[in-house]
Amino acid sequence: MKEFRYVITDEIGLHARPAGLLVKAASKFACKIKICSGTKEVDAKSILGVMSLALKQGDEMRVHFDGTDEEEAFETIKSFLITNL
């Protein structure tokens, strides 16, 4: 299992467009990908779940990867977040 933490830097936060792109990127992998913020944990492959976190600028999220292609998923999602949020 792999994990990383990321603080949202985008002034608008994790809004609909990047959330949709994040879900699309996560859906390409077989491994389980969970996003946690505070006590809430959601499936990164669910747009409703990701949007329900309502992450704003300065909020920290933890992303967990577990499965056969977790290493590739980790690198892809981490790069996506750094580039887009």
PDB file of N, CA and C in Angstrom:
ATOM      1  N   MET A   1       0.851  -1.185   0.000  1.00  0.00           N
ATOM      2  CA  MET A   1       0.000   0.000   0.000  1.00  0.00           C
ATOM      3  C   MET A   1       0.892   1.242   0.000  1.00  0.00           C
ATOM      4  N   LYS A   2       0.533   2.202  -0.827  1.00  0.00           N
ATOM      5  CA  LYS A   2       1.265   3.470  -0.915  1.00  0.00           C
ATOM      6  C   LYS A   2       0.324   4.594  -0.506  1.00  0.00           C
ATOM      7  N   GLU A   3       0.908   5.701  -0.063  1.00  0.00           N
ATOM      8  CA  GLU A   3       0.108   6.846   0.371  1.00  0.00           C
ATOM      9  C   GLU A   3       0.935   8.121   0.201  1.00  0.00           C
ATOM     10  N   PHE A   4       0.244   9.211  -0.093  1.00  0.00           N
ATOM     11  CA  PHE A   4       0.886  10.521  -0.033  1.00  0.00           C
ATOM     12  C   PHE A   4      -0.125  11.559   0.418  1.00  0.00           C
ATOM     13  N   ARG A   5       0.400  12.668   0.897  1.00  0.00           N
ATOM     14  CA  ARG A   5      -0.428  13.795   1.344  1.00  0.00           C
ATOM     15  C   ARG A   5      -0.239  14.937   0.364  1.00  0.00           C
ATOM     16  N   TYR A   6      -1.304  15.688   0.156  1.00  0.00           N
ATOM     17  CA  TYR A   6      -1.231  16.826  -0.750  1.00  0.00           C
ATOM     18  C   TYR A   6      -2.098  17.951  -0.197  1.00  0.00           C
ATOM     19  N   VAL A   7      -1.585  19.176  -0.231  1.00  0.00           N
ATOM     20  CA  VAL A   7      -2.335  20.357   0.193  1.00  0.00           C
ATOM     21  C   VAL A   7      -2.807  21.080  -1.067  1.00  0.00           C
ATOM     22  N   ILE A   8      -4.104  21.341  -1.142  1.00  0.00           N
ATOM     23  CA  ILE A   8      -4.689  22.005  -2.300  1.00  0.00           C
ATOM     24  C   ILE A   8      -4.138  23.429  -2.395  1.00  0.00           C
ATOM     25  N   THR A   9      -3.555  23.772  -3.538  1.00  0.00           N
ATOM     26  CA  THR A   9      -2.998  25.109  -3.730  1.00  0.00           C
ATOM     27  C   THR A   9      -3.863  25.973  -4.652  1.00  0.00           C
ATOM     28  N   ASP A  10      -4.725  25.351  -5.444  1.00  0.00           N
ATOM     29  CA  ASP A  10      -5.588  26.094  -6.361  1.00  0.00           C
ATOM     30  C   ASP A  10      -6.531  26.987  -5.557  1.00  0.00           C
ATOM     31  N   GLU A  11      -6.617  28.263  -5.937  1.00  0.00           N
ATOM     32  CA  GLU A  11      -7.444  29.201  -5.163  1.00  0.00           C
ATOM     33  C   GLU A  11      -8.935  28.867  -5.204  1.00  0.00           C
ATOM     34  N   ILE A  12      -9.370  28.111  -6.193  1.00  0.00           N
ATOM     35  CA  ILE A  12     -10.784  27.710  -6.280  1.00  0.00           C
ATOM     36  C   ILE A  12     -11.018  26.387  -5.549  1.00  0.00           C
ATOM     37  N   GLY A  13      -9.971  25.650  -5.267  1.00  0.00           N
ATOM     38  CA  GLY A  13     -10.103  24.364  -4.594  1.00  0.00           C
ATOM     39  C   GLY A  13     -10.331  23.247  -5.597  1.00  0.00           C
ATOM     40  N   LEU A  14     -10.789  22.112  -5.104  1.00  0.00           N
ATOM     41  CA  LEU A  14     -11.048  20.953  -5.953  1.00  0.00           C
ATOM     42  C   LEU A  14     -12.476  21.071  -6.489  1.00  0.00           C
ATOM     43  N   HIS A  15     -12.630  21.849  -7.546  1.00  0.00           N
ATOM     44  CA  HIS A  15     -13.949  22.092  -8.130  1.00  0.00           C
ATOM     45  C   HIS A  15     -14.250  21.066  -9.218  1.00  0.00           C
ATOM     46  N   ALA A  16     -15.367  21.206  -9.907  1.00  0.00           N
ATOM     47  CA  ALA A  16     -15.894  20.184 -10.821  1.00  0.00           C
ATOM     48  C   ALA A  16     -14.924  19.748 -11.922  1.00  0.00           C
ATOM     49  N   ARG A  17     -14.287  20.678 -12.606  1.00  0.00           N
ATOM     50  CA  ARG A  17     -13.423  20.303 -13.734  1.00  0.00           C
ATOM     51  C   ARG A  17     -12.254  19.426 -13.297  1.00  0.00           C
ATOM     52  N   PRO A  18     -11.421  19.888 -12.335  1.00  0.00           N
ATOM     53  CA  PRO A  18     -10.310  19.017 -11.934  1.00  0.00           C
ATOM     54  C   PRO A  18     -10.776  17.743 -11.222  1.00  0.00           C
ATOM     55  N   ALA A  19     -11.902  17.802 -10.537  1.00  0.00           N
ATOM     56  CA  ALA A  19     -12.430  16.595  -9.887  1.00  0.00           C
ATOM     57  C   ALA A  19     -12.784  15.555 -10.940  1.00  0.00           C
ATOM     58  N   GLY A  20     -13.423  15.983 -12.022  1.00  0.00           N
ATOM     59  CA  GLY A  20     -13.767  15.076 -13.113  1.00  0.00           C
ATOM     60  C   GLY A  20     -12.533  14.481 -13.760  1.00  0.00           C
ATOM     61  N   LEU A  21     -11.513  15.305 -13.967  1.00  0.00           N
ATOM     62  CA  LEU A  21     -10.265  14.818 -14.554  1.00  0.00           C
ATOM     63  C   LEU A  21      -9.548  13.850 -13.612  1.00  0.00           C
ATOM     64  N   LEU A  22      -9.603  14.129 -12.318  1.00  0.00           N
ATOM     65  CA  LEU A  22      -8.995  13.245 -11.325  1.00  0.00           C
ATOM     66  C   LEU A  22      -9.680  11.881 -11.337  1.00  0.00           C
ATOM     67  N   VAL A  23     -10.996  11.873 -11.352  1.00  0.00           N
ATOM     68  CA  VAL A  23     -11.760  10.621 -11.390  1.00  0.00           C
ATOM     69  C   VAL A  23     -11.436   9.847 -12.668  1.00  0.00           C
ATOM     70  N   LYS A  24     -11.358  10.552 -13.780  1.00  0.00           N
ATOM     71  CA  LYS A  24     -11.035   9.913 -15.062  1.00  0.00           C
ATOM     72  C   LYS A  24      -9.648   9.266 -15.004  1.00  0.00           C
ATOM     73  N   ALA A  25      -8.675   9.970 -14.431  1.00  0.00           N
ATOM     74  CA  ALA A  25      -7.319   9.430 -14.301  1.00  0.00           C
ATOM     75  C   ALA A  25      -7.295   8.227 -13.362  1.00  0.00           C
ATOM     76  N   ALA A  26      -7.999   8.310 -12.245  1.00  0.00           N
ATOM     77  CA  ALA A  26      -8.023   7.217 -11.265  1.00  0.00           C
ATOM     78  C   ALA A  26      -8.713   5.978 -11.821  1.00  0.00           C
ATOM     79  N   SER A  27      -9.717   6.180 -12.652  1.00  0.00           N
ATOM     80  CA  SER A  27     -10.492   5.064 -13.202  1.00  0.00           C
ATOM     81  C   SER A  27      -9.694   4.186 -14.163  1.00  0.00           C
ATOM     82  N   LYS A  28      -8.560   4.653 -14.598  1.00  0.00           N
ATOM     83  CA  LYS A  28      -7.721   3.873 -15.519  1.00  0.00           C
ATOM     84  C   LYS A  28      -6.966   2.751 -14.812  1.00  0.00           C
ATOM     85  N   PHE A  29      -6.983   2.744 -13.483  1.00  0.00           N
ATOM     86  CA  PHE A  29      -6.196   1.781 -12.723  1.00  0.00           C
ATOM     87  C   PHE A  29      -7.082   0.759 -12.019  1.00  0.00           C
ATOM     88  N   ALA A  30      -6.545  -0.442 -11.883  1.00  0.00           N
ATOM     89  CA  ALA A  30      -7.280  -1.525 -11.230  1.00  0.00           C
ATOM     90  C   ALA A  30      -7.232  -1.422  -9.707  1.00  0.00           C
ATOM     91  N   CYS A  31      -6.185  -0.809  -9.182  1.00  0.00           N
ATOM     92  CA  CYS A  31      -6.027  -0.742  -7.726  1.00  0.00           C
ATOM     93  C   CYS A  31      -7.099   0.147  -7.095  1.00  0.00           C
ATOM     94  N   LYS A  32      -7.286  -0.051  -5.796  1.00  0.00           N
ATOM     95  CA  LYS A  32      -8.194   0.804  -5.044  1.00  0.00           C
ATOM     96  C   LYS A  32      -7.480   2.120  -4.759  1.00  0.00           C
ATOM     97  N   ILE A  33      -8.170   3.237  -4.987  1.00  0.00           N
ATOM     98  CA  ILE A  33      -7.609   4.549  -4.701  1.00  0.00           C
ATOM     99  C   ILE A  33      -8.608   5.290  -3.824  1.00  0.00           C
ATOM    100  N   LYS A  34      -8.203   5.633  -2.629  1.00  0.00           N
ATOM    101  CA  LYS A  34      -9.063   6.328  -1.668  1.00  0.00           C
ATOM    102  C   LYS A  34      -8.499   7.711  -1.381  1.00  0.00           C
ATOM    103  N   ILE A  35      -9.382   8.681  -1.259  1.00  0.00           N
ATOM    104  CA  ILE A  35      -8.991  10.034  -0.866  1.00  0.00           C
ATOM    105  C   ILE A  35      -9.608  10.293   0.500  1.00  0.00           C
ATOM    106  N   CYS A  36      -8.782  10.753   1.428  1.00  0.00           N
ATOM    107  CA  CYS A  36      -9.241  11.025   2.789  1.00  0.00           C
ATOM    108  C   CYS A  36      -8.995  12.492   3.127  1.00  0.00           C
ATOM    109  N   SER A  37      -9.941  13.064   3.826  1.00  0.00           N
ATOM    110  CA  SER A  37      -9.800  14.418   4.340  1.00  0.00           C
ATOM    111  C   SER A  37     -10.531  14.461   5.670  1.00  0.00           C
ATOM    112  N   GLY A  38      -9.788  14.765   6.722  1.00  0.00           N
ATOM    113  CA  GLY A  38     -10.388  14.716   8.052  1.00  0.00           C
ATOM    114  C   GLY A  38     -10.785  13.276   8.348  1.00  0.00           C
ATOM    115  N   THR A  39     -12.051  13.068   8.696  1.00  0.00           N
ATOM    116  CA  THR A  39     -12.528  11.716   8.989  1.00  0.00           C
ATOM    117  C   THR A  39     -13.258  11.097   7.803  1.00  0.00           C
ATOM    118  N   LYS A  40     -13.367  11.827   6.713  1.00  0.00           N
ATOM    119  CA  LYS A  40     -14.105  11.349   5.545  1.00  0.00           C
ATOM    120  C   LYS A  40     -13.173  10.653   4.559  1.00  0.00           C
ATOM    121  N   GLU A  41     -13.602   9.498   4.042  1.00  0.00           N
ATOM    122  CA  GLU A  41     -12.837   8.738   3.061  1.00  0.00           C
ATOM    123  C   GLU A  41     -13.747   8.393   1.897  1.00  0.00           C
ATOM    124  N   VAL A  42     -13.286   8.661   0.662  1.00  0.00           N
ATOM    125  CA  VAL A  42     -14.101   8.395  -0.522  1.00  0.00           C
ATOM    126  C   VAL A  42     -13.289   7.650  -1.579  1.00  0.00           C
ATOM    127  N   ASP A  43     -13.998   7.025  -2.489  1.00  0.00           N
ATOM    128  CA  ASP A  43     -13.387   6.348  -3.631  1.00  0.00           C
ATOM    129  C   ASP A  43     -13.003   7.409  -4.655  1.00  0.00           C
ATOM    130  N   ALA A  44     -11.737   7.426  -5.066  1.00  0.00           N
ATOM    131  CA  ALA A  44     -11.259   8.422  -6.033  1.00  0.00           C
ATOM    132  C   ALA A  44     -11.839   8.200  -7.423  1.00  0.00           C
ATOM    133  N   LYS A  45     -12.527   7.085  -7.627  1.00  0.00           N
ATOM    134  CA  LYS A  45     -13.134   6.786  -8.922  1.00  0.00           C
ATOM    135  C   LYS A  45     -14.592   7.217  -8.974  1.00  0.00           C
ATOM    136  N   SER A  46     -15.056   7.891  -7.928  1.00  0.00           N
ATOM    137  CA  SER A  46     -16.444   8.352  -7.836  1.00  0.00           C
ATOM    138  C   SER A  46     -16.490   9.875  -7.831  1.00  0.00           C
ATOM    139  N   ILE A  47     -17.073  10.458  -8.867  1.00  0.00           N
ATOM    140  CA  ILE A  47     -17.161  11.922  -8.938  1.00  0.00           C
ATOM    141  C   ILE A  47     -17.974  12.483  -7.771  1.00  0.00           C
ATOM    142  N   LEU A  48     -19.055  11.817  -7.399  1.00  0.00           N
ATOM    143  CA  LEU A  48     -19.861  12.305  -6.276  1.00  0.00           C
ATOM    144  C   LEU A  48     -19.074  12.248  -4.973  1.00  0.00           C
ATOM    145  N   GLY A  49     -18.295  11.180  -4.800  1.00  0.00           N
ATOM    146  CA  GLY A  49     -17.475  11.064  -3.603  1.00  0.00           C
ATOM    147  C   GLY A  49     -16.429  12.162  -3.526  1.00  0.00           C
ATOM    148  N   VAL A  50     -15.713  12.368  -4.624  1.00  0.00           N
ATOM    149  CA  VAL A  50     -14.656  13.385  -4.652  1.00  0.00           C
ATOM    150  C   VAL A  50     -15.253  14.773  -4.421  1.00  0.00           C
ATOM    151  N   MET A  51     -16.356  15.080  -5.083  1.00  0.00           N
ATOM    152  CA  MET A  51     -16.985  16.392  -4.915  1.00  0.00           C
ATOM    153  C   MET A  51     -17.521  16.584  -3.486  1.00  0.00           C
ATOM    154  N   SER A  52     -17.945  15.487  -2.845  1.00  0.00           N
ATOM    155  CA  SER A  52     -18.503  15.596  -1.489  1.00  0.00           C
ATOM    156  C   SER A  52     -17.454  16.021  -0.464  1.00  0.00           C
ATOM    157  N   LEU A  53     -16.177  15.861  -0.780  1.00  0.00           N
ATOM    158  CA  LEU A  53     -15.129  16.301   0.142  1.00  0.00           C
ATOM    159  C   LEU A  53     -15.080  17.818   0.253  1.00  0.00           C
ATOM    160  N   ALA A  54     -15.516  18.514  -0.798  1.00  0.00           N
ATOM    161  CA  ALA A  54     -15.550  19.988  -0.823  1.00  0.00           C
ATOM    162  C   ALA A  54     -14.208  20.586  -0.379  1.00  0.00           C
ATOM    163  N   LEU A  55     -13.132  20.099  -0.974  1.00  0.00           N
ATOM    164  CA  LEU A  55     -11.795  20.567  -0.601  1.00  0.00           C
ATOM    165  C   LEU A  55     -11.530  21.970  -1.129  1.00  0.00           C
ATOM    166  N   LYS A  56     -11.040  22.820  -0.262  1.00  0.00           N
ATOM    167  CA  LYS A  56     -10.744  24.213  -0.593  1.00  0.00           C
ATOM    168  C   LYS A  56      -9.228  24.435  -0.538  1.00  0.00           C
ATOM    169  N   GLN A  57      -8.800  25.587  -1.007  1.00  0.00           N
ATOM    170  CA  GLN A  57      -7.380  25.939  -0.953  1.00  0.00           C
ATOM    171  C   GLN A  57      -6.886  25.833   0.491  1.00  0.00           C
ATOM    172  N   GLY A  58      -5.749  25.176   0.671  1.00  0.00           N
ATOM    173  CA  GLY A  58      -5.166  25.004   2.004  1.00  0.00           C
ATOM    174  C   GLY A  58      -5.574  23.719   2.698  1.00  0.00           C
ATOM    175  N   ASP A  59      -6.609  23.023   2.200  1.00  0.00           N
ATOM    176  CA  ASP A  59      -7.033  21.751   2.794  1.00  0.00           C
ATOM    177  C   ASP A  59      -6.046  20.649   2.419  1.00  0.00           C
ATOM    178  N   GLU A  60      -5.805  19.755   3.361  1.00  0.00           N
ATOM    179  CA  GLU A  60      -4.922  18.624   3.089  1.00  0.00           C
ATOM    180  C   GLU A  60      -5.748  17.383   2.788  1.00  0.00           C
ATOM    181  N   MET A  61      -5.285  16.635   1.795  1.00  0.00           N
ATOM    182  CA  MET A  61      -5.914  15.358   1.479  1.00  0.00           C
ATOM    183  C   MET A  61      -4.845  14.278   1.522  1.00  0.00           C
ATOM    184  N   ARG A  62      -5.264  13.066   1.875  1.00  0.00           N
ATOM    185  CA  ARG A  62      -4.376  11.908   1.836  1.00  0.00           C
ATOM    186  C   ARG A  62      -4.907  10.977   0.761  1.00  0.00           C
ATOM    187  N   VAL A  63      -4.023  10.450  -0.052  1.00  0.00           N
ATOM    188  CA  VAL A  63      -4.431   9.553  -1.125  1.00  0.00           C
ATOM    189  C   VAL A  63      -3.770   8.201  -0.881  1.00  0.00           C
ATOM    190  N   HIS A  64      -4.597   7.146  -0.800  1.00  0.00           N
ATOM    191  CA  HIS A  64      -4.131   5.785  -0.538  1.00  0.00           C
ATOM    192  C   HIS A  64      -4.305   4.928  -1.790  1.00  0.00           C
ATOM    193  N   PHE A  65      -3.313   4.115  -2.075  1.00  0.00           N
ATOM    194  CA  PHE A  65      -3.338   3.217  -3.223  1.00  0.00           C
ATOM    195  C   PHE A  65      -3.101   1.798  -2.725  1.00  0.00           C
ATOM    196  N   ASP A  66      -3.905   0.842  -3.203  1.00  0.00           N
ATOM    197  CA  ASP A  66      -3.734  -0.545  -2.789  1.00  0.00           C
ATOM    198  C   ASP A  66      -4.157  -1.465  -3.929  1.00  0.00           C
ATOM    199  N   GLY A  67      -3.186  -2.187  -4.465  1.00  0.00           N
ATOM    200  CA  GLY A  67      -3.501  -3.124  -5.536  1.00  0.00           C
ATOM    201  C   GLY A  67      -2.323  -3.381  -6.452  1.00  0.00           C
ATOM    202  N   THR A  68      -2.592  -4.109  -7.522  1.00  0.00           N
ATOM    203  CA  THR A  68      -1.531  -4.581  -8.408  1.00  0.00           C
ATOM    204  C   THR A  68      -0.779  -3.471  -9.127  1.00  0.00           C
ATOM    205  N   ASP A  69      -1.459  -2.414  -9.523  1.00  0.00           N
ATOM    206  CA  ASP A  69      -0.802  -1.331 -10.269  1.00  0.00           C
ATOM    207  C   ASP A  69      -0.674  -0.048  -9.441  1.00  0.00           C
ATOM    208  N   GLU A  70      -0.534  -0.212  -8.128  1.00  0.00           N
ATOM    209  CA  GLU A  70      -0.503   0.943  -7.230  1.00  0.00           C
ATOM    210  C   GLU A  70       0.672   1.882  -7.484  1.00  0.00           C
ATOM    211  N   GLU A  71       1.814   1.339  -7.886  1.00  0.00           N
ATOM    212  CA  GLU A  71       2.992   2.185  -8.125  1.00  0.00           C
ATOM    213  C   GLU A  71       2.745   3.147  -9.290  1.00  0.00           C
ATOM    214  N   GLU A  72       2.217   2.632 -10.379  1.00  0.00           N
ATOM    215  CA  GLU A  72       1.918   3.472 -11.547  1.00  0.00           C
ATOM    216  C   GLU A  72       0.812   4.479 -11.214  1.00  0.00           C
ATOM    217  N   ALA A  73      -0.210   4.020 -10.500  1.00  0.00           N
ATOM    218  CA  ALA A  73      -1.305   4.903 -10.100  1.00  0.00           C
ATOM    219  C   ALA A  73      -0.792   6.020  -9.196  1.00  0.00           C
ATOM    220  N   PHE A  74       0.072   5.670  -8.244  1.00  0.00           N
ATOM    221  CA  PHE A  74       0.660   6.635  -7.322  1.00  0.00           C
ATOM    222  C   PHE A  74       1.360   7.751  -8.100  1.00  0.00           C
ATOM    223  N   GLU A  75       2.228   7.366  -9.031  1.00  0.00           N
ATOM    224  CA  GLU A  75       2.979   8.356  -9.812  1.00  0.00           C
ATOM    225  C   GLU A  75       2.054   9.223 -10.668  1.00  0.00           C
ATOM    226  N   THR A  76       1.075   8.612 -11.302  1.00  0.00           N
ATOM    227  CA  THR A  76       0.151   9.335 -12.183  1.00  0.00           C
ATOM    228  C   THR A  76      -0.705  10.324 -11.410  1.00  0.00           C
ATOM    229  N   ILE A  77      -1.320   9.879 -10.328  1.00  0.00           N
ATOM    230  CA  ILE A  77      -2.221  10.746  -9.554  1.00  0.00           C
ATOM    231  C   ILE A  77      -1.438  11.841  -8.841  1.00  0.00           C
ATOM    232  N   LYS A  78      -0.280  11.518  -8.303  1.00  0.00           N
ATOM    233  CA  LYS A  78       0.541  12.535  -7.639  1.00  0.00           C
ATOM    234  C   LYS A  78       0.935  13.628  -8.635  1.00  0.00           C
ATOM    235  N   SER A  79       1.366  13.227  -9.816  1.00  0.00           N
ATOM    236  CA  SER A  79       1.733  14.181 -10.863  1.00  0.00           C
ATOM    237  C   SER A  79       0.529  15.029 -11.274  1.00  0.00           C
ATOM    238  N   PHE A  80      -0.640  14.393 -11.398  1.00  0.00           N
ATOM    239  CA  PHE A  80      -1.864  15.112 -11.758  1.00  0.00           C
ATOM    240  C   PHE A  80      -2.166  16.207 -10.732  1.00  0.00           C
ATOM    241  N   LEU A  81      -2.129  15.854  -9.456  1.00  0.00           N
ATOM    242  CA  LEU A  81      -2.452  16.820  -8.400  1.00  0.00           C
ATOM    243  C   LEU A  81      -1.471  17.994  -8.392  1.00  0.00           C
ATOM    244  N   ILE A  82      -0.193  17.704  -8.513  1.00  0.00           N
ATOM    245  CA  ILE A  82       0.818  18.755  -8.511  1.00  0.00           C
ATOM    246  C   ILE A  82       0.624  19.694  -9.697  1.00  0.00           C
ATOM    247  N   THR A  83       0.297  19.138 -10.845  1.00  0.00           N
ATOM    248  CA  THR A  83       0.129  19.931 -12.063  1.00  0.00           C
ATOM    249  C   THR A  83      -1.180  20.731 -12.072  1.00  0.00           C
ATOM    250  N   ASN A  84      -2.256  20.161 -11.543  1.00  0.00           N
ATOM    251  CA  ASN A  84      -3.590  20.757 -11.704  1.00  0.00           C
ATOM    252  C   ASN A  84      -4.187  21.399 -10.458  1.00  0.00           C
ATOM    253  N   LEU A  85      -3.665  21.104  -9.289  1.00  0.00           N
ATOM    254  CA  LEU A  85      -4.262  21.659  -8.078  1.00  0.00           C
ATOM    255  C   LEU A  85      -3.209  22.272  -7.178  1.00  0.00           C
TER     256      LEU A  85
END
